[in-house]
Amino acid sequence: MSAYKIQYLRREQVDVLKWDRCIDRAANGLIYGQSFYLDLMASHWDALVMEDYEAVMPLTWNKKYGIYYLYQPAFTASLGIFGNQLNEQMIAQFVHLISSKYKLIEIALNTGNVFTGLPFASLRNNYILHLNKSYDALYTGYRENIRRNVKKSRQLETRYETDVSISAIIQLSKNQMQGIWRIKDEDYIRFEKLYHLLKTRNQAVACGVYLQDQLVASAVYFFSHNRAYYILVGNHPNGKTSGASHYLIDRFIHDHAGNDLVLDFEGSDIKNLAFFYSSFGATAETYPSIRVDNLPWWIKLIRG
């Protein structure tokens, strides 16, 4: 079988209209692959483009010690190859092209890129919940501990709001993730710009739960490709025993139940988080993660 015609394009060579059209029409299209998202969240990105934008792959890169490498930008759960009728030969050709150019690759592909024999790949977990049922049906699908915490939060008369200050959520997230998740201040600044852009397009909402007028649980959701992305979370320790984080997600489900929408929890391989997400009735979907390290020996010495 003949090879596919795939070309490497620098960012300035990409036809943005054709690129975004490909992402929008792809069966595995995701918001992370759209040009505006990449422009805001990636330090740099180039692209692999097959034929006349029949399939595309963003390459989010950076440079250190004179070495070019691929990395996964913050708040960008999955990238990889986007298109229709993807097959194993096609995926393998894309992956071979990047592994021959970049010495270090640490990226996540998407659920449409799961094929046997994909080199250098390991599978990761995401959890999704289809909201195209009534709220009562979805609520019935919760585990008992979720229903119990939702009831507790109601009894404490917590207040749910859908127009929370993005800066307040970011500050909570920073406090919560300090020492756990390595996100730079620059990434939060990029994210805030992205939020305001999507907000003007009615594709973003910032939700929160207040206990005695204190924001104790919060989340930002992005909307695209019939998905709601649970993308930034900020919780306060004072909300731990109030069921606030459970109630936060429950209210979002309540407000969007019956719609052709998938709630995308963006993970997780962490056992406790996986259990938490699955407790809302969410099911697992897998996607590949690729790691290739062909760095020169002297770079490895510097990195330790």
C-alpha atoms as a PDB file:
ATOM      1  CA  MET A   1       0.000   0.000   0.000  1.00  0.00           C
ATOM      2  CA  SER A   2       1.413   3.396  -0.961  1.00  0.00           C
ATOM      3  CA  ALA A   3       2.385   5.967   1.609  1.00  0.00           C
ATOM      4  CA  TYR A   4       0.171   8.944   2.342  1.00  0.00           C
ATOM      5  CA  LYS A   5       1.271  12.382   1.219  1.00  0.00           C
ATOM      6  CA  ILE A   6       2.021  14.217   4.443  1.00  0.00           C
ATOM      7  CA  GLN A   7       3.852  17.531   4.558  1.00  0.00           C
ATOM      8  CA  TYR A   8       5.448  19.460   7.396  1.00  0.00           C
ATOM      9  CA  LEU A   9       4.232  23.058   7.632  1.00  0.00           C
ATOM     10  CA  ARG A  10       5.441  25.868   9.846  1.00  0.00           C
ATOM     11  CA  ARG A  11       2.704  27.731  11.700  1.00  0.00           C
ATOM     12  CA  GLU A  12       2.778  30.648   9.260  1.00  0.00           C
ATOM     13  CA  GLN A  13       2.269  28.243   6.340  1.00  0.00           C
ATOM     14  CA  VAL A  14      -0.900  26.703   7.769  1.00  0.00           C
ATOM     15  CA  ASP A  15      -4.155  27.578   5.999  1.00  0.00           C
ATOM     16  CA  VAL A  16      -6.195  28.367   9.115  1.00  0.00           C
ATOM     17  CA  LEU A  17      -9.578  28.078   7.402  1.00  0.00           C
ATOM     18  CA  LYS A  18      -8.799  24.626   6.040  1.00  0.00           C
ATOM     19  CA  TRP A  19      -7.200  23.591   9.320  1.00  0.00           C
ATOM     20  CA  ASP A  20     -10.168  24.541  11.478  1.00  0.00           C
ATOM     21  CA  ARG A  21     -12.568  23.035   8.947  1.00  0.00           C
ATOM     22  CA  CYS A  22     -10.714  19.742   9.245  1.00  0.00           C
ATOM     23  CA  ILE A  23     -10.878  19.836  13.056  1.00  0.00           C
ATOM     24  CA  ASP A  24     -14.588  20.746  12.996  1.00  0.00           C
ATOM     25  CA  ARG A  25     -15.517  17.968  10.582  1.00  0.00           C
ATOM     26  CA  ALA A  26     -13.302  15.272  12.076  1.00  0.00           C
ATOM     27  CA  ALA A  27     -15.077  12.461  13.893  1.00  0.00           C
ATOM     28  CA  ASN A  28     -12.472  12.866  16.651  1.00  0.00           C
ATOM     29  CA  GLY A  29     -12.337  16.682  16.551  1.00  0.00           C
ATOM     30  CA  LEU A  30     -11.533  18.405  19.844  1.00  0.00           C
ATOM     31  CA  ILE A  31     -11.316  22.020  20.931  1.00  0.00           C
ATOM     32  CA  TYR A  32      -7.599  21.627  21.718  1.00  0.00           C
ATOM     33  CA  GLY A  33      -6.779  21.166  18.027  1.00  0.00           C
ATOM     34  CA  GLN A  34      -8.352  24.399  16.821  1.00  0.00           C
ATOM     35  CA  SER A  35      -5.909  27.047  15.627  1.00  0.00           C
ATOM     36  CA  PHE A  36      -6.926  29.748  18.131  1.00  0.00           C
ATOM     37  CA  TYR A  37      -6.496  27.304  21.019  1.00  0.00           C
ATOM     38  CA  LEU A  38      -3.021  26.310  19.866  1.00  0.00           C
ATOM     39  CA  ASP A  39      -2.054  29.931  19.223  1.00  0.00           C
ATOM     40  CA  LEU A  40      -2.935  30.859  22.789  1.00  0.00           C
ATOM     41  CA  MET A  41      -1.774  27.811  24.766  1.00  0.00           C
ATOM     42  CA  ALA A  42       1.319  26.565  22.911  1.00  0.00           C
ATOM     43  CA  SER A  43       4.702  28.280  23.018  1.00  0.00           C
ATOM     44  CA  HIS A  44       5.104  27.347  19.342  1.00  0.00           C
ATOM     45  CA  TRP A  45       3.331  24.974  16.997  1.00  0.00           C
ATOM     46  CA  ASP A  46       3.865  23.622  13.522  1.00  0.00           C
ATOM     47  CA  ALA A  47       1.872  20.948  11.742  1.00  0.00           C
ATOM     48  CA  LEU A  48       1.765  17.766   9.741  1.00  0.00           C
ATOM     49  CA  VAL A  49      -0.914  17.977   7.043  1.00  0.00           C
ATOM     50  CA  MET A  50      -2.085  15.053   4.912  1.00  0.00           C
ATOM     51  CA  GLU A  51      -3.168  15.759   1.336  1.00  0.00           C
ATOM     52  CA  ASP A  52      -5.434  18.852   1.232  1.00  0.00           C
ATOM     53  CA  TYR A  53      -6.071  18.973   5.011  1.00  0.00           C
ATOM     54  CA  GLU A  54      -7.801  15.567   5.034  1.00  0.00           C
ATOM     55  CA  ALA A  55      -6.005  14.814   8.299  1.00  0.00           C
ATOM     56  CA  VAL A  56      -3.823  17.059  10.439  1.00  0.00           C
ATOM     57  CA  MET A  57      -1.537  16.831  13.440  1.00  0.00           C
ATOM     58  CA  PRO A  58      -0.486  19.870  15.487  1.00  0.00           C
ATOM     59  CA  LEU A  59       3.097  19.758  16.708  1.00  0.00           C
ATOM     60  CA  THR A  60       3.478  21.806  19.877  1.00  0.00           C
ATOM     61  CA  TRP A  61       7.198  22.393  20.234  1.00  0.00           C
ATOM     62  CA  ASN A  62       9.784  24.228  22.208  1.00  0.00           C
ATOM     63  CA  LYS A  63      13.574  24.491  22.195  1.00  0.00           C
ATOM     64  CA  LYS A  64      16.194  24.086  24.920  1.00  0.00           C
ATOM     65  CA  TYR A  65      19.969  23.680  24.721  1.00  0.00           C
ATOM     66  CA  GLY A  66      19.550  23.957  20.949  1.00  0.00           C
ATOM     67  CA  ILE A  67      17.334  20.844  20.899  1.00  0.00           C
ATOM     68  CA  TYR A  68      13.784  20.907  19.546  1.00  0.00           C
ATOM     69  CA  TYR A  69      11.228  18.850  21.450  1.00  0.00           C
ATOM     70  CA  LEU A  70       7.499  18.184  21.461  1.00  0.00           C
ATOM     71  CA  TYR A  71       5.538  18.786  24.649  1.00  0.00           C
ATOM     72  CA  GLN A  72       1.936  18.861  25.843  1.00  0.00           C
ATOM     73  CA  PRO A  73       0.809  22.439  26.592  1.00  0.00           C
ATOM     74  CA  ALA A  74      -1.026  23.171  29.827  1.00  0.00           C
ATOM     75  CA  PHE A  75      -4.816  22.787  29.721  1.00  0.00           C
ATOM     76  CA  THR A  76      -4.515  20.732  26.543  1.00  0.00           C
ATOM     77  CA  ALA A  77      -5.477  17.171  27.399  1.00  0.00           C
ATOM     78  CA  SER A  78      -5.293  15.568  23.946  1.00  0.00           C
ATOM     79  CA  LEU A  79      -3.880  16.433  20.555  1.00  0.00           C
ATOM     80  CA  GLY A  80      -2.626  13.932  17.979  1.00  0.00           C
ATOM     81  CA  ILE A  81      -4.028  13.219  14.518  1.00  0.00           C
ATOM     82  CA  PHE A  82      -7.460  14.596  13.611  1.00  0.00           C
ATOM     83  CA  GLY A  83      -9.484  13.473  10.609  1.00  0.00           C
ATOM     84  CA  ASN A  84     -11.951  10.935   9.300  1.00  0.00           C
ATOM     85  CA  GLN A  85     -11.376   7.312   8.346  1.00  0.00           C
ATOM     86  CA  LEU A  86      -8.068   7.162  10.177  1.00  0.00           C
ATOM     87  CA  ASN A  87      -6.285   3.837   9.963  1.00  0.00           C
ATOM     88  CA  GLU A  88      -3.255   2.204  11.504  1.00  0.00           C
ATOM     89  CA  GLN A  89      -0.954   2.804   8.539  1.00  0.00           C
ATOM     90  CA  MET A  90      -1.846   6.488   8.493  1.00  0.00           C
ATOM     91  CA  ILE A  91      -1.292   6.918  12.236  1.00  0.00           C
ATOM     92  CA  ALA A  92       2.020   5.062  12.052  1.00  0.00           C
ATOM     93  CA  GLN A  93       3.223   7.321   9.238  1.00  0.00           C
ATOM     94  CA  PHE A  94       2.410  10.485  11.188  1.00  0.00           C
ATOM     95  CA  VAL A  95       4.170   9.133  14.289  1.00  0.00           C
ATOM     96  CA  HIS A  96       7.228   8.029  12.293  1.00  0.00           C
ATOM     97  CA  LEU A  97       7.595  11.520  10.827  1.00  0.00           C
ATOM     98  CA  ILE A  98       7.633  13.219  14.221  1.00  0.00           C
ATOM     99  CA  SER A  99       9.978  10.652  15.801  1.00  0.00           C
ATOM    100  CA  SER A 100      12.500  11.180  13.024  1.00  0.00           C
ATOM    101  CA  LYS A 101      12.569  14.966  13.554  1.00  0.00           C
ATOM    102  CA  TYR A 102      12.301  15.520  17.315  1.00  0.00           C
ATOM    103  CA  LYS A 103      14.756  14.089  19.836  1.00  0.00           C
ATOM    104  CA  LEU A 104      12.363  14.314  22.778  1.00  0.00           C
ATOM    105  CA  ILE A 105       8.631  13.706  22.467  1.00  0.00           C
ATOM    106  CA  GLU A 106       6.189  13.802  25.376  1.00  0.00           C
ATOM    107  CA  ILE A 107       2.687  14.222  23.955  1.00  0.00           C
ATOM    108  CA  ALA A 108      -0.829  12.861  24.261  1.00  0.00           C
ATOM    109  CA  LEU A 109      -2.777  11.787  21.188  1.00  0.00           C
ATOM    110  CA  ASN A 110      -6.573  11.353  21.185  1.00  0.00           C
ATOM    111  CA  THR A 111      -9.069   8.550  21.471  1.00  0.00           C
ATOM    112  CA  GLY A 112      -9.359   8.331  17.679  1.00  0.00           C
ATOM    113  CA  ASN A 113      -5.660   7.416  17.509  1.00  0.00           C
ATOM    114  CA  VAL A 114      -5.863   4.166  19.489  1.00  0.00           C
ATOM    115  CA  PHE A 115      -4.411   1.431  17.304  1.00  0.00           C
ATOM    116  CA  THR A 116      -2.492  -1.741  18.073  1.00  0.00           C
ATOM    117  CA  GLY A 117       1.238  -1.609  17.523  1.00  0.00           C
ATOM    118  CA  LEU A 118       1.544   2.166  17.860  1.00  0.00           C
ATOM    119  CA  PRO A 119       5.241   2.654  18.677  1.00  0.00           C
ATOM    120  CA  PHE A 120       6.404   4.311  21.895  1.00  0.00           C
ATOM    121  CA  ALA A 121       2.799   4.542  23.121  1.00  0.00           C
ATOM    122  CA  SER A 122       1.050   3.754  26.386  1.00  0.00           C
ATOM    123  CA  LEU A 123      -2.671   4.070  26.977  1.00  0.00           C
ATOM    124  CA  ARG A 124      -4.143   6.628  29.346  1.00  0.00           C
ATOM    125  CA  ASN A 125      -7.674   6.989  30.697  1.00  0.00           C
ATOM    126  CA  ASN A 126     -10.302   9.664  30.326  1.00  0.00           C
ATOM    127  CA  TYR A 127     -13.870   9.634  31.659  1.00  0.00           C
ATOM    128  CA  ILE A 128     -16.912  10.898  29.798  1.00  0.00           C
ATOM    129  CA  LEU A 129     -20.604  11.140  30.597  1.00  0.00           C
ATOM    130  CA  HIS A 130     -23.304  11.390  27.936  1.00  0.00           C
ATOM    131  CA  LEU A 131     -25.902  13.935  29.071  1.00  0.00           C
ATOM    132  CA  ASN A 132     -28.608  12.989  26.548  1.00  0.00           C
ATOM    133  CA  LYS A 133     -30.894  11.611  29.278  1.00  0.00           C
ATOM    134  CA  SER A 134     -33.208  13.231  31.777  1.00  0.00           C
ATOM    135  CA  TYR A 135     -31.662  14.590  34.967  1.00  0.00           C
ATOM    136  CA  ASP A 136     -33.539  11.982  37.017  1.00  0.00           C
ATOM    137  CA  ALA A 137     -32.051   9.184  34.916  1.00  0.00           C
ATOM    138  CA  LEU A 138     -28.563  10.634  35.223  1.00  0.00           C
ATOM    139  CA  TYR A 139     -28.973  11.178  38.967  1.00  0.00           C
ATOM    140  CA  THR A 140     -30.031   7.551  39.358  1.00  0.00           C
ATOM    141  CA  GLY A 141     -26.727   6.588  37.736  1.00  0.00           C
ATOM    142  CA  TYR A 142     -24.715   8.275  40.497  1.00  0.00           C
ATOM    143  CA  ARG A 143     -23.059   6.111  43.131  1.00  0.00           C
ATOM    144  CA  GLU A 144     -24.605   6.402  46.562  1.00  0.00           C
ATOM    145  CA  ASN A 145     -21.709   8.456  47.946  1.00  0.00           C
ATOM    146  CA  ILE A 146     -22.295  11.123  45.268  1.00  0.00           C
ATOM    147  CA  ARG A 147     -26.022  11.334  46.013  1.00  0.00           C
ATOM    148  CA  ARG A 148     -25.263  11.526  49.741  1.00  0.00           C
ATOM    149  CA  ASN A 149     -22.816  14.408  49.278  1.00  0.00           C
ATOM    150  CA  VAL A 150     -25.192  16.268  46.945  1.00  0.00           C
ATOM    151  CA  LYS A 151     -27.917  16.024  49.596  1.00  0.00           C
ATOM    152  CA  LYS A 152     -25.490  17.211  52.287  1.00  0.00           C
ATOM    153  CA  SER A 153     -24.558  20.245  50.216  1.00  0.00           C
ATOM    154  CA  ARG A 154     -28.233  21.119  49.698  1.00  0.00           C
ATOM    155  CA  GLN A 155     -28.918  20.823  53.431  1.00  0.00           C
ATOM    156  CA  LEU A 156     -26.062  23.236  54.150  1.00  0.00           C
ATOM    157  CA  GLU A 157     -27.790  25.700  51.805  1.00  0.00           C
ATOM    158  CA  THR A 158     -24.814  26.157  49.546  1.00  0.00           C
ATOM    159  CA  ARG A 159     -25.304  28.504  46.588  1.00  0.00           C
ATOM    160  CA  TYR A 160     -24.503  27.539  42.995  1.00  0.00           C
ATOM    161  CA  GLU A 161     -23.625  30.254  40.486  1.00  0.00           C
ATOM    162  CA  THR A 162     -22.666  30.208  36.811  1.00  0.00           C
ATOM    163  CA  ASP A 163     -20.897  33.535  36.378  1.00  0.00           C
ATOM    164  CA  VAL A 164     -17.988  33.262  38.782  1.00  0.00           C
ATOM    165  CA  SER A 165     -14.889  35.434  38.485  1.00  0.00           C
ATOM    166  CA  ILE A 166     -12.266  33.602  36.416  1.00  0.00           C
ATOM    167  CA  SER A 167      -9.499  35.169  38.481  1.00  0.00           C
ATOM    168  CA  ALA A 168     -11.039  33.735  41.660  1.00  0.00           C
ATOM    169  CA  ILE A 169     -11.113  30.232  40.163  1.00  0.00           C
ATOM    170  CA  ILE A 170      -7.533  30.532  38.942  1.00  0.00           C
ATOM    171  CA  GLN A 171      -6.376  31.612  42.398  1.00  0.00           C
ATOM    172  CA  LEU A 172      -8.142  28.651  44.019  1.00  0.00           C
ATOM    173  CA  SER A 173      -6.601  26.329  41.443  1.00  0.00           C
ATOM    174  CA  LYS A 174      -3.121  27.723  42.063  1.00  0.00           C
ATOM    175  CA  ASN A 175      -3.507  27.227  45.818  1.00  0.00           C
ATOM    176  CA  GLN A 176      -4.883  23.715  45.418  1.00  0.00           C
ATOM    177  CA  MET A 177      -2.315  22.516  42.875  1.00  0.00           C
ATOM    178  CA  GLN A 178       0.769  24.075  44.438  1.00  0.00           C
ATOM    179  CA  GLY A 179       3.468  21.419  44.658  1.00  0.00           C
ATOM    180  CA  ILE A 180       1.256  18.896  42.836  1.00  0.00           C
ATOM    181  CA  TRP A 181       0.776  20.138  39.289  1.00  0.00           C
ATOM    182  CA  ARG A 182       3.546  22.118  37.601  1.00  0.00           C
ATOM    183  CA  ILE A 183       1.721  24.953  35.890  1.00  0.00           C
ATOM    184  CA  LYS A 184       3.530  28.210  35.295  1.00  0.00           C
ATOM    185  CA  ASP A 185       1.983  31.612  35.921  1.00  0.00           C
ATOM    186  CA  GLU A 186       2.371  32.234  32.192  1.00  0.00           C
ATOM    187  CA  ASP A 187       0.098  29.256  31.489  1.00  0.00           C
ATOM    188  CA  TYR A 188      -2.616  30.667  33.742  1.00  0.00           C
ATOM    189  CA  ILE A 189      -2.322  34.018  31.953  1.00  0.00           C
ATOM    190  CA  ARG A 190      -2.710  32.265  28.597  1.00  0.00           C
ATOM    191  CA  PHE A 191      -5.682  30.315  29.947  1.00  0.00           C
ATOM    192  CA  GLU A 192      -7.423  33.450  31.193  1.00  0.00           C
ATOM    193  CA  LYS A 193      -7.098  35.015  27.734  1.00  0.00           C
ATOM    194  CA  LEU A 194      -8.486  31.833  26.207  1.00  0.00           C
ATOM    195  CA  TYR A 195     -11.418  31.866  28.633  1.00  0.00           C
ATOM    196  CA  HIS A 196     -12.356  35.448  27.772  1.00  0.00           C
ATOM    197  CA  LEU A 197     -12.163  34.673  24.050  1.00  0.00           C
ATOM    198  CA  LEU A 198     -14.439  31.641  24.397  1.00  0.00           C
ATOM    199  CA  LYS A 199     -16.753  33.552  26.729  1.00  0.00           C
ATOM    200  CA  THR A 200     -17.435  36.079  23.952  1.00  0.00           C
ATOM    201  CA  ARG A 201     -18.387  33.127  21.728  1.00  0.00           C
ATOM    202  CA  ASN A 202     -20.699  31.605  24.382  1.00  0.00           C
ATOM    203  CA  GLN A 203     -18.340  28.642  24.603  1.00  0.00           C
ATOM    204  CA  ALA A 204     -17.180  29.030  28.198  1.00  0.00           C
ATOM    205  CA  VAL A 205     -18.777  29.178  31.614  1.00  0.00           C
ATOM    206  CA  ALA A 206     -17.261  29.606  35.090  1.00  0.00           C
ATOM    207  CA  CYS A 207     -19.273  27.876  37.821  1.00  0.00           C
ATOM    208  CA  GLY A 208     -18.952  27.864  41.578  1.00  0.00           C
ATOM    209  CA  VAL A 209     -20.471  26.752  44.846  1.00  0.00           C
ATOM    210  CA  TYR A 210     -20.521  29.171  47.770  1.00  0.00           C
ATOM    211  CA  LEU A 211     -20.769  28.242  51.432  1.00  0.00           C
ATOM    212  CA  GLN A 212     -21.593  31.207  53.665  1.00  0.00           C
ATOM    213  CA  ASP A 213     -20.532  33.512  50.815  1.00  0.00           C
ATOM    214  CA  GLN A 214     -17.131  31.821  50.435  1.00  0.00           C
ATOM    215  CA  LEU A 215     -16.249  30.213  47.099  1.00  0.00           C
ATOM    216  CA  VAL A 216     -15.397  26.635  48.093  1.00  0.00           C
ATOM    217  CA  ALA A 217     -15.719  24.713  44.812  1.00  0.00           C
ATOM    218  CA  SER A 218     -15.359  25.977  41.259  1.00  0.00           C
ATOM    219  CA  ALA A 219     -14.782  24.893  37.684  1.00  0.00           C
ATOM    220  CA  VAL A 220     -14.427  26.288  34.191  1.00  0.00           C
ATOM    221  CA  TYR A 221     -16.108  24.451  31.323  1.00  0.00           C
ATOM    222  CA  PHE A 222     -15.393  24.941  27.630  1.00  0.00           C
ATOM    223  CA  PHE A 223     -17.896  23.914  24.941  1.00  0.00           C
ATOM    224  CA  SER A 224     -17.024  22.575  21.500  1.00  0.00           C
ATOM    225  CA  HIS A 225     -17.726  19.533  19.280  1.00  0.00           C
ATOM    226  CA  ASN A 226     -20.764  18.587  21.402  1.00  0.00           C
ATOM    227  CA  ARG A 227     -18.503  18.348  24.428  1.00  0.00           C
ATOM    228  CA  ALA A 228     -18.314  20.218  27.694  1.00  0.00           C
ATOM    229  CA  TYR A 229     -14.714  20.141  28.894  1.00  0.00           C
ATOM    230  CA  TYR A 230     -14.257  20.163  32.685  1.00  0.00           C
ATOM    231  CA  ILE A 231     -11.011  21.989  32.184  1.00  0.00           C
ATOM    232  CA  LEU A 232      -9.989  23.998  35.263  1.00  0.00           C
ATOM    233  CA  VAL A 233     -10.927  23.164  38.847  1.00  0.00           C
ATOM    234  CA  GLY A 234     -10.364  25.172  42.001  1.00  0.00           C
ATOM    235  CA  ASN A 235     -11.475  23.919  45.431  1.00  0.00           C
ATOM    236  CA  HIS A 236     -11.006  25.416  48.886  1.00  0.00           C
ATOM    237  CA  PRO A 237     -10.226  23.202  51.922  1.00  0.00           C
ATOM    238  CA  ASN A 238     -13.305  24.634  53.697  1.00  0.00           C
ATOM    239  CA  GLY A 239     -15.500  22.877  51.148  1.00  0.00           C
ATOM    240  CA  LYS A 240     -14.131  19.365  51.681  1.00  0.00           C
ATOM    241  CA  THR A 241     -16.747  18.208  54.164  1.00  0.00           C
ATOM    242  CA  SER A 242     -19.693  20.043  52.607  1.00  0.00           C
ATOM    243  CA  GLY A 243     -20.079  17.995  49.429  1.00  0.00           C
ATOM    244  CA  ALA A 244     -19.472  21.180  47.448  1.00  0.00           C
ATOM    245  CA  SER A 245     -17.375  19.620  44.647  1.00  0.00           C
ATOM    246  CA  HIS A 246     -20.008  16.895  44.189  1.00  0.00           C
ATOM    247  CA  TYR A 247     -22.796  19.464  44.101  1.00  0.00           C
ATOM    248  CA  LEU A 248     -20.839  21.610  41.622  1.00  0.00           C
ATOM    249  CA  ILE A 249     -20.771  18.829  39.016  1.00  0.00           C
ATOM    250  CA  ASP A 250     -24.309  17.726  39.833  1.00  0.00           C
ATOM    251  CA  ARG A 251     -25.660  21.225  39.095  1.00  0.00           C
ATOM    252  CA  PHE A 252     -23.877  21.309  35.745  1.00  0.00           C
ATOM    253  CA  ILE A 253     -25.374  17.931  34.873  1.00  0.00           C
ATOM    254  CA  HIS A 254     -28.787  19.172  35.986  1.00  0.00           C
ATOM    255  CA  ASP A 255     -28.569  22.271  33.801  1.00  0.00           C
ATOM    256  CA  HIS A 256     -27.480  20.372  30.674  1.00  0.00           C
ATOM    257  CA  ALA A 257     -29.369  17.097  31.034  1.00  0.00           C
ATOM    258  CA  GLY A 258     -31.299  16.040  27.949  1.00  0.00           C
ATOM    259  CA  ASN A 259     -28.880  17.734  25.534  1.00  0.00           C
ATOM    260  CA  ASP A 260     -26.707  16.098  22.889  1.00  0.00           C
ATOM    261  CA  LEU A 261     -23.636  16.837  24.959  1.00  0.00           C
ATOM    262  CA  VAL A 262     -20.771  14.827  26.428  1.00  0.00           C
ATOM    263  CA  LEU A 263     -19.261  15.900  29.732  1.00  0.00           C
ATOM    264  CA  ASP A 264     -15.519  15.344  29.353  1.00  0.00           C
ATOM    265  CA  PHE A 265     -13.762  15.049  32.710  1.00  0.00           C
ATOM    266  CA  GLU A 266     -10.289  15.206  31.083  1.00  0.00           C
ATOM    267  CA  GLY A 267      -8.863  12.220  32.968  1.00  0.00           C
ATOM    268  CA  SER A 268      -7.719  10.580  35.018  1.00  0.00           C
ATOM    269  CA  ASP A 269      -5.086   7.880  35.623  1.00  0.00           C
ATOM    270  CA  ILE A 270      -5.056   8.896  39.291  1.00  0.00           C
ATOM    271  CA  LYS A 271      -7.080   6.219  41.073  1.00  0.00           C
ATOM    272  CA  ASN A 272      -9.048   8.498  43.411  1.00  0.00           C
ATOM    273  CA  LEU A 273      -9.992  10.932  40.640  1.00  0.00           C
ATOM    274  CA  ALA A 274     -10.959   8.074  38.313  1.00  0.00           C
ATOM    275  CA  PHE A 275     -13.268   6.711  41.007  1.00  0.00           C
ATOM    276  CA  PHE A 276     -14.742  10.178  41.618  1.00  0.00           C
ATOM    277  CA  TYR A 277     -15.550  10.753  37.939  1.00  0.00           C
ATOM    278  CA  SER A 278     -16.898   7.250  37.411  1.00  0.00           C
ATOM    279  CA  SER A 279     -19.142   7.756  40.445  1.00  0.00           C
ATOM    280  CA  PHE A 280     -21.234  10.171  38.371  1.00  0.00           C
ATOM    281  CA  GLY A 281     -21.877   7.369  35.877  1.00  0.00           C
ATOM    282  CA  ALA A 282     -18.999   8.375  33.594  1.00  0.00           C
ATOM    283  CA  THR A 283     -17.357   5.679  31.491  1.00  0.00           C
ATOM    284  CA  ALA A 284     -13.705   5.305  30.539  1.00  0.00           C
ATOM    285  CA  GLU A 285     -12.267   6.021  27.122  1.00  0.00           C
ATOM    286  CA  THR A 286      -8.589   5.485  26.322  1.00  0.00           C
ATOM    287  CA  TYR A 287      -6.092   7.531  24.351  1.00  0.00           C
ATOM    288  CA  PRO A 288      -2.383   7.032  23.631  1.00  0.00           C
ATOM    289  CA  SER A 289       0.462   8.925  25.204  1.00  0.00           C
ATOM    290  CA  ILE A 290       3.818   8.933  23.417  1.00  0.00           C
ATOM    291  CA  ARG A 291       7.224   9.339  24.992  1.00  0.00           C
ATOM    292  CA  VAL A 292      10.440   9.149  22.981  1.00  0.00           C
ATOM    293  CA  ASP A 293      13.825  10.153  24.428  1.00  0.00           C
ATOM    294  CA  ASN A 294      16.659  10.229  21.910  1.00  0.00           C
ATOM    295  CA  LEU A 295      18.497  13.106  23.540  1.00  0.00           C
ATOM    296  CA  PRO A 296      22.292  13.249  23.301  1.00  0.00           C
ATOM    297  CA  TRP A 297      24.123  11.863  26.324  1.00  0.00           C
ATOM    298  CA  TRP A 298      25.376  15.273  27.407  1.00  0.00           C
ATOM    299  CA  ILE A 299      21.833  16.651  27.554  1.00  0.00           C
ATOM    300  CA  LYS A 300      20.802  13.745  29.765  1.00  0.00           C
ATOM    301  CA  LEU A 301      23.687  14.566  32.094  1.00  0.00           C
ATOM    302  CA  ILE A 302      22.523  18.186  32.361  1.00  0.00           C
ATOM    303  CA  ARG A 303      18.934  17.129  33.024  1.00  0.00           C
ATOM    304  CA  GLY A 304      20.077  14.648  35.637  1.00  0.00           C
END
